[in-house]
Protein backbone atom coordinates (compact mmCIF):
# COMPACT_ATOMS: atom_id res chain seq x y z
CA MET A 1 86.34 125.15 119.74
CA LYS A 2 89.88 126.25 120.45
CA ALA A 3 93.12 125.69 118.62
CA LYS A 4 95.72 123.51 120.27
CA ASP A 5 99.11 124.95 121.08
CA ASP A 6 100.70 121.55 121.51
CA TRP A 7 101.73 119.63 118.46
CA GLY A 8 103.64 116.72 117.03
CA LEU A 9 103.89 113.21 118.39
CA GLU A 10 102.40 113.98 121.80
CA ALA A 11 99.24 115.37 120.22
CA ALA A 12 99.17 112.57 117.69
CA THR A 13 99.16 109.84 120.32
CA ARG A 14 96.55 111.42 122.57
CA GLY A 15 93.52 109.77 121.05
CA ILE A 16 91.18 109.49 118.13
CA PHE A 17 89.32 112.59 116.93
CA ILE A 18 85.53 112.60 117.16
CA GLY A 19 83.17 115.57 117.12
CA GLY A 20 86.02 118.07 117.52
CA SER A 21 87.48 116.36 120.62
CA ARG A 22 90.27 113.92 121.36
CA ILE A 23 88.80 110.67 122.63
CA LEU A 24 91.09 108.40 124.62
CA THR A 25 91.09 104.68 123.89
CA ASP A 26 91.79 101.84 126.27
CA ASP A 27 94.30 100.20 123.95
CA SER A 28 97.00 101.28 121.56
CA TYR A 29 99.43 99.65 119.17
CA PRO A 30 103.01 100.45 118.10
CA VAL A 31 103.83 102.25 114.86
CA ILE A 32 107.12 100.95 113.47
CA ASP A 33 109.79 102.95 111.63
CA PRO A 34 110.47 100.94 108.42
CA THR A 35 114.06 102.17 108.36
CA THR A 36 115.14 101.17 111.86
CA GLU A 37 112.36 98.83 113.01
CA ASP A 38 112.12 101.00 116.13
CA VAL A 39 108.83 102.20 117.58
CA VAL A 40 107.87 105.68 116.38
CA GLY A 41 104.93 106.00 118.75
CA GLN A 42 101.71 104.45 119.93
CA ALA A 43 98.50 104.81 117.92
CA PRO A 44 95.04 104.58 119.49
CA GLU A 45 93.10 101.35 119.01
CA ALA A 46 89.52 102.44 118.40
CA THR A 47 86.62 100.19 119.31
CA ALA A 48 83.60 99.43 117.17
CA SER A 49 81.44 101.59 119.41
CA GLN A 50 83.84 104.52 119.01
CA VAL A 51 83.66 104.17 115.24
CA GLU A 52 79.87 104.28 115.50
CA GLN A 53 80.22 107.35 117.72
CA ALA A 54 82.32 109.02 114.99
CA VAL A 55 79.67 108.24 112.38
CA ALA A 56 76.98 109.69 114.66
CA ALA A 57 79.05 112.86 115.15
CA ALA A 58 79.36 113.22 111.37
CA GLN A 59 75.61 112.71 110.97
CA ASP A 60 74.91 115.46 113.49
CA ALA A 61 77.33 117.90 111.87
CA GLN A 62 76.57 117.28 108.20
CA PRO A 63 73.24 119.13 107.76
CA GLY A 64 74.58 122.34 109.27
CA TRP A 65 77.77 122.10 107.24
CA ALA A 66 75.81 121.48 104.03
CA ALA A 67 73.76 124.60 104.75
CA THR A 68 76.84 126.84 104.90
CA ALA A 69 77.58 128.93 101.85
CA PRO A 70 80.13 127.47 99.42
CA ALA A 71 82.27 130.57 99.92
CA GLU A 72 82.42 129.83 103.65
CA ARG A 73 83.41 126.24 102.98
CA ALA A 74 86.11 127.48 100.60
CA GLY A 75 87.42 129.74 103.36
CA ILE A 76 87.72 126.79 105.74
CA LEU A 77 89.54 124.76 103.08
CA ARG A 78 92.03 127.58 102.58
CA ALA A 79 92.52 127.86 106.34
CA MET A 80 93.22 124.12 106.48
CA GLY A 81 95.83 124.50 103.77
CA ARG A 82 97.49 127.43 105.56
CA ALA A 83 97.54 125.65 108.91
CA LEU A 84 98.98 122.51 107.32
CA GLY A 85 101.63 124.47 105.46
CA ALA A 86 102.64 126.25 108.66
CA ARG A 87 103.45 122.83 110.21
CA ARG A 88 105.47 121.66 107.21
CA GLU A 89 108.84 121.41 108.93
CA GLN A 90 107.39 119.84 112.06
CA LEU A 91 105.42 117.22 110.17
CA ALA A 92 108.21 116.17 107.79
CA PRO A 93 110.27 114.10 110.28
CA LEU A 94 107.15 112.31 111.51
CA ILE A 95 106.11 111.50 107.93
CA ALA A 96 109.56 110.12 107.11
CA ALA A 97 109.75 108.13 110.33
CA GLU A 98 106.44 106.29 110.01
CA THR A 99 106.34 105.83 106.21
CA GLY A 100 110.02 105.30 105.39
CA CYS A 101 109.90 107.87 102.59
CA LEU A 102 112.99 109.93 101.84
CA LEU A 103 113.32 112.78 104.32
CA SER A 104 113.89 115.15 101.41
CA ALA A 105 110.50 114.12 99.98
CA ALA A 106 108.52 114.62 103.20
CA PRO A 107 108.15 118.43 102.91
CA VAL A 108 107.05 117.96 99.30
CA ILE A 109 104.36 115.56 100.53
CA VAL A 110 103.07 118.29 102.85
CA ASP A 111 103.11 120.80 99.98
CA ARG A 112 101.11 118.45 97.77
CA ALA A 113 98.54 117.97 100.53
CA VAL A 114 98.31 121.74 100.99
CA SER A 115 97.72 122.16 97.26
CA ARG A 116 94.72 119.84 97.46
CA PHE A 117 92.95 122.10 99.95
CA GLU A 118 93.83 125.20 97.94
CA ARG A 119 92.72 123.67 94.65
CA PHE A 120 89.32 122.56 95.90
CA ALA A 121 88.79 125.94 97.54
CA ASP A 122 89.48 127.58 94.19
CA LEU A 123 87.17 125.18 92.35
CA LEU A 124 84.42 125.79 94.87
CA THR A 125 84.78 129.54 94.54
CA GLY A 126 84.45 129.32 90.76
CA LEU A 127 81.16 127.40 90.78
CA ARG A 128 77.66 128.86 90.97
CA PRO A 129 75.93 128.17 94.28
CA VAL A 130 72.26 127.23 94.29
CA GLU A 131 70.01 126.56 97.26
CA HIS A 132 71.60 123.75 99.31
CA GLY A 133 73.84 122.81 96.42
CA ILE A 134 76.23 123.78 93.66
CA GLU A 135 75.67 123.97 89.93
CA ILE A 136 78.54 122.27 88.14
CA ARG A 137 76.77 121.80 84.82
CA ALA A 138 74.17 124.27 83.61
CA THR A 139 70.74 123.02 82.59
CA PRO A 140 69.97 123.77 78.94
CA ALA A 141 66.85 125.78 78.16
CA GLY A 142 63.77 123.60 77.84
CA PRO A 143 60.26 123.97 76.37
CA SER A 144 58.64 127.33 76.93
CA LEU A 145 56.38 126.12 79.75
CA THR A 146 59.08 124.49 81.86
CA SER A 147 62.16 125.64 83.67
CA GLY A 148 64.76 123.55 85.44
CA GLN A 149 67.88 123.37 87.51
CA THR A 150 70.53 120.69 87.88
CA ALA A 151 72.63 120.86 91.02
CA ARG A 152 75.04 118.73 92.98
CA ARG A 153 73.81 117.93 96.50
CA PRO A 154 75.95 116.49 99.31
CA VAL A 155 75.92 112.71 99.62
CA GLY A 156 75.90 112.92 103.44
CA VAL A 157 78.41 111.07 105.61
CA VAL A 158 81.52 109.80 103.85
CA ALA A 159 83.62 106.95 105.22
CA ALA A 160 87.11 107.57 103.82
CA ILE A 161 89.88 104.97 104.04
CA ALA A 162 93.38 105.60 102.73
CA PRO A 163 96.34 103.28 102.07
CA PHE A 164 99.77 103.37 103.72
CA ASN A 165 101.50 105.13 100.84
CA PHE A 166 101.36 108.93 101.05
CA PRO A 167 98.79 108.99 103.91
CA LEU A 168 98.68 112.78 104.20
CA ILE A 169 98.14 113.28 100.46
CA GLY A 170 95.54 110.53 100.49
CA ALA A 171 93.70 112.21 103.35
CA ALA A 172 93.71 115.60 101.65
CA SER A 173 92.56 114.06 98.37
CA LYS A 174 89.50 112.60 100.10
CA ILE A 175 88.69 115.09 102.83
CA ALA A 176 89.04 118.27 100.76
CA PRO A 177 86.53 117.46 97.97
CA ALA A 178 84.18 115.68 100.38
CA ILE A 179 83.78 118.63 102.72
CA ALA A 180 83.87 121.08 99.82
CA MET A 181 80.61 119.55 98.65
CA GLY A 182 78.97 119.75 102.07
CA ASN A 183 79.63 116.24 103.35
CA ALA A 184 80.98 115.20 106.74
CA VAL A 185 83.82 112.68 106.89
CA VAL A 186 84.97 109.84 109.10
CA PHE A 187 88.53 109.17 108.02
CA LYS A 188 90.53 106.03 108.74
CA PRO A 189 94.24 106.01 107.88
CA ALA A 190 96.17 102.82 107.23
CA PRO A 191 97.34 101.03 110.38
CA GLN A 192 101.03 101.26 109.41
CA ASP A 193 101.35 105.07 109.46
CA PRO A 194 98.43 106.85 111.18
CA LEU A 195 100.31 109.31 113.38
CA GLU A 196 100.54 112.16 110.88
CA LEU A 197 96.77 111.95 110.37
CA LEU A 198 96.11 112.07 114.10
CA ALA A 199 98.34 115.12 114.17
CA PHE A 200 96.28 116.49 111.27
CA ALA A 201 93.31 116.63 113.62
CA SER A 202 94.95 119.67 115.21
CA ILE A 203 94.99 121.28 111.76
CA CYS A 204 91.22 120.90 111.62
CA GLU A 205 90.90 122.62 114.98
CA GLU A 206 93.26 125.45 114.07
CA ALA A 207 91.44 126.03 110.78
CA GLY A 208 88.03 126.28 112.44
CA VAL A 209 86.51 123.15 110.93
CA PRO A 210 83.14 122.74 112.69
CA ASP A 211 83.01 119.91 115.21
CA GLY A 212 82.08 116.61 113.61
CA VAL A 213 82.71 117.63 110.01
CA VAL A 214 86.03 115.75 110.07
CA ASN A 215 86.53 112.76 112.37
CA ILE A 216 89.56 110.46 112.50
CA VAL A 217 89.66 106.90 113.84
CA THR A 218 92.56 104.45 113.88
CA GLY A 219 93.11 100.76 114.45
CA SER A 220 95.62 98.02 113.78
CA GLY A 221 93.23 95.36 112.49
CA VAL A 222 90.26 95.03 110.18
CA GLU A 223 87.54 95.70 112.77
CA VAL A 224 87.68 99.49 112.57
CA GLY A 225 87.46 99.55 108.78
CA ARG A 226 84.73 96.94 108.56
CA THR A 227 82.66 98.67 111.20
CA LEU A 228 83.06 101.98 109.42
CA VAL A 229 82.11 100.86 105.90
CA SER A 230 79.09 98.90 107.17
CA ALA A 231 77.75 101.53 109.60
CA PRO A 232 74.09 102.38 108.79
CA GLY A 233 74.79 106.12 109.00
CA VAL A 234 77.40 106.05 106.22
CA ASP A 235 76.12 107.27 102.85
CA MET A 236 79.32 106.85 100.82
CA VAL A 237 82.58 104.91 101.04
CA SER A 238 85.74 106.35 99.51
CA PHE A 239 88.47 103.71 99.61
CA THR A 240 91.96 103.53 98.19
CA GLY A 241 93.78 100.24 98.61
CA SER A 242 94.01 96.69 97.36
CA THR A 243 91.60 95.22 94.87
CA ALA A 244 90.76 92.38 97.25
CA ALA A 245 89.75 94.78 100.03
CA GLY A 246 87.91 97.00 97.55
CA ALA A 247 85.86 94.08 96.26
CA GLU A 248 84.88 93.20 99.83
CA ILE A 249 83.80 96.80 100.47
CA TYR A 250 81.87 96.86 97.19
CA ARG A 251 79.94 93.76 98.24
CA SER A 252 79.26 95.17 101.70
CA GLY A 253 77.52 98.21 100.22
CA ALA A 254 75.13 96.29 98.00
CA ASP A 255 72.25 96.03 100.47
CA SER A 256 72.23 99.75 101.25
CA MET A 257 73.21 100.94 97.74
CA ARG A 258 75.60 103.42 99.31
CA ARG A 259 77.76 105.43 96.95
CA MET A 260 81.22 103.97 96.24
CA LEU A 261 84.46 105.57 95.10
CA LEU A 262 87.07 102.81 94.89
CA GLU A 263 90.63 103.45 93.71
CA LEU A 264 92.25 100.03 93.70
CA GLY A 265 95.25 98.18 92.30
CA GLY A 266 97.24 98.89 89.19
CA LYS A 267 99.71 97.18 86.89
CA GLY A 268 100.81 100.03 84.68
CA ALA A 269 102.29 99.34 81.26
CA LEU A 270 104.80 101.69 79.67
CA ILE A 271 105.00 101.14 75.93
CA VAL A 272 108.41 102.08 74.51
CA ARG A 273 108.09 102.49 70.75
CA ARG A 274 111.09 102.17 68.47
CA ASP A 275 111.27 105.97 68.04
CA ALA A 276 111.01 106.78 71.76
CA ASP A 277 113.39 109.05 73.65
CA LEU A 278 115.11 106.28 75.64
CA ASP A 279 116.52 108.67 78.25
CA ALA A 280 113.00 109.86 79.04
CA ALA A 281 111.65 106.30 79.06
CA VAL A 282 114.38 105.13 81.43
CA GLU A 283 113.74 108.06 83.77
CA ALA A 284 110.05 107.18 83.87
CA LEU A 285 110.63 103.46 84.37
CA GLY A 286 113.25 104.16 87.02
CA ARG A 287 110.56 105.71 89.21
CA VAL A 288 109.37 102.17 89.89
CA TRP A 289 112.54 101.87 91.97
CA THR A 290 113.13 105.36 93.30
CA TYR A 291 109.64 106.78 93.94
CA TYR A 292 108.72 105.51 97.41
CA SER A 293 110.36 102.16 96.56
CA GLY A 294 107.70 101.37 93.97
CA GLN A 295 104.83 101.59 96.44
CA TRP A 296 102.44 103.57 94.24
CA CYS A 297 99.49 102.20 92.32
CA ALA A 298 100.12 104.06 89.05
CA ALA A 299 103.73 102.84 88.74
CA PRO A 300 104.77 101.69 85.24
CA THR A 301 105.81 98.24 86.45
CA ARG A 302 105.54 96.60 83.01
CA ALA A 303 107.95 97.85 80.35
CA ILE A 304 106.57 96.81 76.96
CA VAL A 305 109.53 97.48 74.69
CA HIS A 306 109.90 97.30 70.91
CA ARG A 307 112.36 94.54 70.14
CA ASP A 308 114.61 96.89 68.13
CA VAL A 309 115.41 99.04 71.18
CA HIS A 310 115.10 96.34 73.86
CA ASP A 311 118.82 95.74 74.41
CA GLU A 312 119.75 99.41 74.54
CA LEU A 313 116.91 100.22 76.94
CA VAL A 314 117.82 97.31 79.21
CA ASP A 315 121.49 98.38 79.28
CA ARG A 316 120.45 101.84 80.39
CA LEU A 317 118.09 100.45 83.05
CA ILE A 318 120.85 98.22 84.40
CA ARG A 319 123.22 101.18 84.67
CA LEU A 320 120.56 103.18 86.47
CA GLY A 321 119.69 100.33 88.82
CA ARG A 322 123.29 99.72 89.77
CA SER A 323 123.79 103.41 90.47
CA LEU A 324 121.05 103.49 93.09
CA ARG A 325 121.96 103.90 96.72
CA ILE A 326 119.83 101.91 99.14
CA GLY A 327 119.89 103.19 102.69
CA ASP A 328 118.84 105.63 105.37
CA PRO A 329 116.13 107.95 103.98
CA SER A 330 117.58 110.81 106.01
CA ASP A 331 120.83 110.62 104.02
CA PRO A 332 120.63 113.02 101.03
CA ALA A 333 122.58 110.48 98.93
CA THR A 334 119.92 107.81 99.37
CA ASN A 335 117.44 107.36 96.54
CA LEU A 336 115.86 104.05 97.53
CA GLY A 337 114.52 103.64 101.05
CA PRO A 338 112.63 100.80 102.74
CA VAL A 339 109.19 99.41 102.04
CA ILE A 340 106.51 99.83 104.65
CA SER A 341 106.71 96.54 106.56
CA ASP A 342 108.41 93.19 106.91
CA ALA A 343 105.31 91.51 105.50
CA GLN A 344 105.48 93.71 102.40
CA ARG A 345 109.19 93.03 101.99
CA THR A 346 108.63 89.27 102.23
CA ARG A 347 105.81 89.43 99.69
CA ILE A 348 107.99 91.34 97.20
CA GLU A 349 110.97 89.01 97.60
CA GLN A 350 108.79 85.92 97.21
CA SER A 351 107.21 87.37 94.06
CA VAL A 352 110.62 87.97 92.48
CA ALA A 353 111.86 84.51 93.47
CA GLY A 354 108.72 83.00 91.96
CA ALA A 355 109.29 84.90 88.71
CA VAL A 356 112.87 83.62 88.48
CA ALA A 357 111.67 80.06 89.13
CA ASP A 358 109.10 80.62 86.37
CA GLY A 359 111.78 81.50 83.83
CA ALA A 360 112.42 85.22 84.21
CA GLU A 361 115.98 86.52 84.49
CA GLU A 362 116.89 88.93 87.30
CA VAL A 363 119.75 91.02 85.88
CA LEU A 364 120.65 93.72 88.40
CA GLY A 365 122.47 91.47 90.82
CA LEU A 366 122.64 93.95 93.69
CA GLU A 367 123.34 92.84 97.22
CA PRO A 368 120.05 91.65 98.75
CA ARG A 369 118.39 94.30 100.91
CA GLY A 370 121.29 96.63 100.20
CA GLY A 371 123.38 94.66 102.68
CA ARG A 372 121.40 96.03 105.61
CA SER A 373 120.51 93.85 108.58
CA ARG A 374 117.80 96.16 109.96
CA GLY A 375 114.99 97.93 108.21
CA TYR A 376 112.57 96.71 105.59
CA PHE A 377 114.86 97.19 102.61
CA VAL A 378 114.34 95.54 99.22
CA SER A 379 116.84 95.64 96.38
CA PRO A 380 115.45 96.88 93.05
CA SER A 381 114.64 94.14 90.55
CA LEU A 382 114.78 94.15 86.76
CA LEU A 383 113.22 91.03 85.29
CA LEU A 384 113.81 90.08 81.65
CA GLY A 385 112.27 87.37 79.51
CA CYS A 386 108.88 87.79 81.13
CA ARG A 387 105.78 86.21 79.64
CA PRO A 388 102.35 87.88 79.79
CA ASP A 389 100.88 85.05 81.87
CA MET A 390 103.47 85.20 84.66
CA PRO A 391 102.13 86.21 88.09
CA ILE A 392 104.86 88.85 88.32
CA VAL A 393 103.35 90.45 85.17
CA GLN A 394 99.71 89.97 86.14
CA ASN A 395 99.71 90.90 89.84
CA GLU A 396 100.36 94.18 91.60
CA ILE A 397 103.61 93.77 93.54
CA PHE A 398 103.79 97.24 95.12
CA GLY A 399 107.55 97.34 95.31
CA PRO A 400 110.69 98.20 93.29
CA VAL A 401 110.13 95.49 90.67
CA LEU A 402 110.15 96.14 86.92
CA SER A 403 109.20 93.44 84.39
CA VAL A 404 110.21 93.71 80.73
CA LEU A 405 108.28 92.29 77.78
CA THR A 406 109.01 92.76 74.08
CA TYR A 407 106.74 93.38 71.10
CA GLY A 408 106.95 93.70 67.34
CA ASP A 409 104.14 96.04 66.26
CA ASP A 410 101.67 98.46 67.81
CA ASP A 411 98.81 95.97 67.81
CA GLU A 412 100.88 93.55 69.87
CA ALA A 413 101.90 96.34 72.26
CA VAL A 414 98.26 97.26 72.89
CA GLU A 415 97.33 93.61 73.36
CA LEU A 416 100.08 93.15 75.94
CA ALA A 417 99.20 96.36 77.77
CA ASN A 418 95.54 95.37 78.00
CA ALA A 419 96.27 91.78 79.05
CA THR A 420 95.67 92.25 82.78
CA ARG A 421 92.59 92.64 84.96
CA PHE A 422 93.82 96.11 85.95
CA GLY A 423 93.29 99.39 84.13
CA LEU A 424 94.54 102.30 86.20
CA THR A 425 97.39 104.15 84.44
CA ASN A 426 99.35 103.31 81.30
CA TYR A 427 102.09 105.15 79.45
CA VAL A 428 103.25 105.56 75.84
CA PHE A 429 106.67 106.90 74.87
CA SER A 430 107.13 107.82 71.22
CA ALA A 431 108.42 110.68 69.07
CA ASP A 432 105.33 110.19 66.90
CA VAL A 433 102.78 111.91 69.12
CA PRO A 434 99.75 111.41 66.81
CA THR A 435 100.41 107.67 66.77
CA ALA A 436 100.91 107.70 70.53
CA TRP A 437 97.48 109.37 70.87
CA GLU A 438 95.92 106.60 68.80
CA LEU A 439 97.56 103.96 70.98
CA ALA A 440 96.40 105.77 74.11
CA ARG A 441 92.79 105.64 72.94
CA ARG A 442 93.07 101.87 72.58
CA LEU A 443 94.47 101.28 76.06
CA ARG A 444 91.95 100.16 78.66
CA SER A 445 92.92 102.37 81.56
CA GLY A 446 91.56 105.39 83.36
CA SER A 447 94.64 107.45 82.51
CA VAL A 448 97.26 107.36 79.77
CA LEU A 449 100.39 109.52 79.96
CA ILE A 450 102.34 110.20 76.78
CA ASN A 451 106.07 110.94 77.06
CA THR A 452 105.78 111.78 80.76
CA ALA A 453 105.32 110.02 84.07
CA THR A 454 104.05 113.09 85.89
CA PRO A 455 100.23 113.34 86.06
CA ARG A 456 98.15 116.48 86.43
CA ASP A 457 95.88 116.89 89.41
CA ASP A 458 93.05 118.41 87.38
CA MET A 459 92.72 115.30 85.21
CA PRO A 460 90.43 112.44 86.24
CA PHE A 461 92.14 109.69 88.22
CA GLY A 462 90.66 106.24 88.65
CA GLY A 463 90.55 102.89 86.99
CA MET A 464 88.79 100.51 84.69
CA GLY A 465 88.26 96.82 85.35
CA MET A 466 89.57 95.69 88.72
CA SER A 467 91.30 99.02 89.26
CA GLY A 468 88.17 100.51 90.71
CA VAL A 469 85.01 102.55 90.36
CA GLY A 470 84.69 106.32 90.00
CA ARG A 471 87.12 109.17 89.48
CA ASP A 472 89.12 111.50 91.73
CA ASN A 473 90.77 114.87 91.08
CA GLY A 474 89.41 118.31 90.27
CA VAL A 475 85.80 118.76 89.22
CA PHE A 476 85.58 114.99 88.77
CA ALA A 477 86.09 114.57 92.53
CA LEU A 478 83.46 117.20 93.30
CA GLU A 479 81.01 115.19 91.22
CA SER A 480 82.09 111.93 92.88
CA TYR A 481 81.39 113.33 96.36
CA SER A 482 77.93 114.63 95.48
CA GLU A 483 74.61 113.56 94.04
CA ALA A 484 73.13 115.12 90.92
CA GLN A 485 69.59 116.37 91.33
CA GLY A 486 67.47 117.80 88.54
CA ILE A 487 64.38 119.84 89.34
CA LEU A 488 61.88 120.66 86.62
CA VAL A 489 58.91 122.95 87.15
CA ALA A 490 55.97 123.62 84.85
CA SER A 491 55.27 127.30 84.44
CA THR A 492 51.71 128.54 84.91
CA PRO A 493 50.38 129.83 81.60
CA ALA A 494 49.40 133.49 81.59
CA PRO A 495 45.60 133.96 81.94
CA ALA A 496 43.71 134.62 78.77
CA ALA A 497 43.00 138.25 78.05
């Protein structure tokens, strides 16, 4: 295996990545820049047989990779992080072009992906290796005539599918813990922005990842993903995306009982208590508009506000919303760029129009689409007078749309927060931290953040209800990408004297 000296878009468009080699495809499809609607490049259109070839390559590579010492795996992870960090400035423009994220945020995205590889290398180094596995939790001492060991063993071949938001971070979050635990991966990026992940294949080569341990396939339709998750050689599916797609994948794995890690939709509630720091609450809620145009699953898209501070909070949100600059993500003054596609823009605009027709009040009044004739731009929305049963309150919109509901006491706030099928991430803002803790314990969500909207990567991340199955991040991810095996042996009694 040799490192590639070429890089960037040319390498990214060369072909899919299977068994350590670029494989050319007969067809390709255009990747569109959400800002300009111009073509960024052509992505390979993999066939079903090529997906099966990638799974076979992972099957061949996985036993040898699982047999490598954890310290060696950690060294490869660190090399992947170094190689990725070295390409930071070259990757940033490609990331911004195909995702529409702010150009200033693109290097930070690379840094966050790098940190994933470093973190899992560190975690791996700190755990006790056992034969063909890793001990994450020690086995307590048993009866005198038995001894035991509990270890985490690799699952096998992992089919990993990431969404269009933050594709590089999503890839690192799946690939790093999966290979740390001795698995091999077939990774499929979202069809909207796959080029940075095809470029990432060169990172794997530069870092010395053994052939077949990481494979990358792309496609514009559903065939590639469906073939991948249903392939007989796949032992686990790790999927981040919509609840509808996740439910389909969950059903598809029933016959084989393959392991599932599903991080699905969210409809985050941010409870603003009467004693909350309103500046901090507004900053957190404003991220629904400014952080990748609201295209993140943990976004606090429902503001559940105590009636005594409702008017003041809304006034501050209106001022913030009207101060936003919608435009070219390469302009440092821009803080709200486009959404990923015309279909996504249409869906968001129709959802807001439906909410207004249903009785909500849209109060920002900005020029639609920021007055831009090209690009998939959506103006931020602030919807007042929302009812809990409105579709805009119940459904994940995945855009810069914030709905406001009011409440009178803590019990009502909890009831409103829990009144959706989702349970990914909720928030509580209050000066009374002990009370906020009590509210957090009553919220049905995988994560609750108190007085902050910035999560920690060592905390478990995943959802309850229709927000998914399993947990990512830190040691929780290492457990998700492995199987627990307990071995108990009866000791032979000493012979009688």
